[in-house]
Amino acid sequence: MSDDNIWATPKAAPSVFVPGSDLSRLSVAELQAEITNLQAEIVRLQREIDARSGVRAAADALFKPPAS
């Protein structure tokens, strides 16, 4: 029996773009698709930063020494 979650959202196809790679082999459509993928990844990373910042703020508030 597999541990794969059959209800999980399918993962996106791997990107053809590697940062810093030669772009001359990619078509305009492929370049546009990569821009879209990178923008989505930026949004995902920013959400993770925001989530971690919220957890940090809550922890700081919980462990903050009482005011004198």
C-alpha atoms as a PDB file:
ATOM      1  CA  MET A   1       0.000   0.000   0.000  1.00  0.00           C
ATOM      2  CA  SER A   2       1.305   3.435  -0.910  1.00  0.00           C
ATOM      3  CA  ASP A   3       1.602   6.383   1.464  1.00  0.00           C
ATOM      4  CA  ASP A   4       0.584   8.766  -1.307  1.00  0.00           C
ATOM      5  CA  ASN A   5      -2.365  10.962  -0.457  1.00  0.00           C
ATOM      6  CA  ILE A   6      -4.882  10.453  -3.246  1.00  0.00           C
ATOM      7  CA  TRP A   7      -6.699  13.633  -2.195  1.00  0.00           C
ATOM      8  CA  ALA A   8      -3.629  15.871  -2.346  1.00  0.00           C
ATOM      9  CA  THR A   9      -3.429  18.596  -4.948  1.00  0.00           C
ATOM     10  CA  PRO A  10      -1.257  17.420  -7.839  1.00  0.00           C
ATOM     11  CA  LYS A  11       2.164  19.006  -7.968  1.00  0.00           C
ATOM     12  CA  ALA A  12       2.948  21.326 -10.843  1.00  0.00           C
ATOM     13  CA  ALA A  13       5.110  20.016 -13.625  1.00  0.00           C
ATOM     14  CA  PRO A  14       8.793  20.693 -13.034  1.00  0.00           C
ATOM     15  CA  SER A  15      10.043  23.916 -14.461  1.00  0.00           C
ATOM     16  CA  VAL A  16      12.216  24.007 -17.560  1.00  0.00           C
ATOM     17  CA  PHE A  17      13.912  27.119 -16.233  1.00  0.00           C
ATOM     18  CA  VAL A  18      16.930  27.114 -13.960  1.00  0.00           C
ATOM     19  CA  PRO A  19      17.874  30.531 -12.536  1.00  0.00           C
ATOM     20  CA  GLY A  20      21.008  31.788 -14.230  1.00  0.00           C
ATOM     21  CA  SER A  21      20.666  29.388 -17.151  1.00  0.00           C
ATOM     22  CA  ASP A  22      20.803  30.226 -20.849  1.00  0.00           C
ATOM     23  CA  LEU A  23      17.440  31.675 -21.863  1.00  0.00           C
ATOM     24  CA  SER A  24      18.041  31.537 -25.614  1.00  0.00           C
ATOM     25  CA  ARG A  25      16.587  28.006 -25.837  1.00  0.00           C
ATOM     26  CA  LEU A  26      13.215  29.029 -24.387  1.00  0.00           C
ATOM     27  CA  SER A  27      10.294  30.287 -26.429  1.00  0.00           C
ATOM     28  CA  VAL A  28       8.399  33.443 -25.553  1.00  0.00           C
ATOM     29  CA  ALA A  29       5.535  31.289 -24.221  1.00  0.00           C
ATOM     30  CA  GLU A  30       7.951  29.319 -22.038  1.00  0.00           C
ATOM     31  CA  LEU A  31       9.496  32.540 -20.726  1.00  0.00           C
ATOM     32  CA  GLN A  32       6.062  33.935 -19.910  1.00  0.00           C
ATOM     33  CA  ALA A  33       5.127  30.689 -18.159  1.00  0.00           C
ATOM     34  CA  GLU A  34       8.296  30.871 -16.086  1.00  0.00           C
ATOM     35  CA  ILE A  35       7.540  34.457 -15.082  1.00  0.00           C
ATOM     36  CA  THR A  36       4.089  33.312 -13.928  1.00  0.00           C
ATOM     37  CA  ASN A  37       5.621  30.392 -12.012  1.00  0.00           C
ATOM     38  CA  LEU A  38       8.220  32.619 -10.364  1.00  0.00           C
ATOM     39  CA  GLN A  39       5.605  35.201  -9.370  1.00  0.00           C
ATOM     40  CA  ALA A  40       3.496  32.439  -7.803  1.00  0.00           C
ATOM     41  CA  GLU A  41       6.553  31.185  -5.930  1.00  0.00           C
ATOM     42  CA  ILE A  42       7.265  34.696  -4.635  1.00  0.00           C
ATOM     43  CA  VAL A  43       3.705  34.897  -3.316  1.00  0.00           C
ATOM     44  CA  ARG A  44       4.092  31.483  -1.656  1.00  0.00           C
ATOM     45  CA  LEU A  45       7.377  32.514  -0.038  1.00  0.00           C
ATOM     46  CA  GLN A  46       5.907  35.810   1.178  1.00  0.00           C
ATOM     47  CA  ARG A  47       2.960  33.968   2.753  1.00  0.00           C
ATOM     48  CA  GLU A  48       5.400  31.709   4.598  1.00  0.00           C
ATOM     49  CA  ILE A  49       7.356  34.727   5.836  1.00  0.00           C
ATOM     50  CA  ASP A  50       4.114  36.360   6.987  1.00  0.00           C
ATOM     51  CA  ALA A  51       3.028  33.179   8.784  1.00  0.00           C
ATOM     52  CA  ARG A  52       6.363  32.862  10.537  1.00  0.00           C
ATOM     53  CA  SER A  53       6.313  36.527  11.506  1.00  0.00           C
ATOM     54  CA  GLY A  54       2.903  36.032  13.109  1.00  0.00           C
ATOM     55  CA  VAL A  55       4.147  33.050  15.086  1.00  0.00           C
ATOM     56  CA  ARG A  56       7.213  34.995  16.178  1.00  0.00           C
ATOM     57  CA  ALA A  57       5.116  37.960  17.318  1.00  0.00           C
ATOM     58  CA  ALA A  58       2.847  35.645  19.318  1.00  0.00           C
ATOM     59  CA  ALA A  59       5.839  33.943  20.934  1.00  0.00           C
ATOM     60  CA  ASP A  60       7.443  37.292  21.754  1.00  0.00           C
ATOM     61  CA  ALA A  61       4.212  38.472  23.364  1.00  0.00           C
ATOM     62  CA  LEU A  62       3.866  35.268  25.379  1.00  0.00           C
ATOM     63  CA  PHE A  63       7.423  35.263  26.697  1.00  0.00           C
ATOM     64  CA  LYS A  64       7.830  39.007  27.127  1.00  0.00           C
ATOM     65  CA  PRO A  65       8.825  39.848  30.702  1.00  0.00           C
ATOM     66  CA  PRO A  66       6.153  41.715  32.676  1.00  0.00           C
ATOM     67  CA  ALA A  67       6.438  45.496  32.602  1.00  0.00           C
ATOM     68  CA  SER A  68       7.799  47.046  35.766  1.00  0.00           C
END
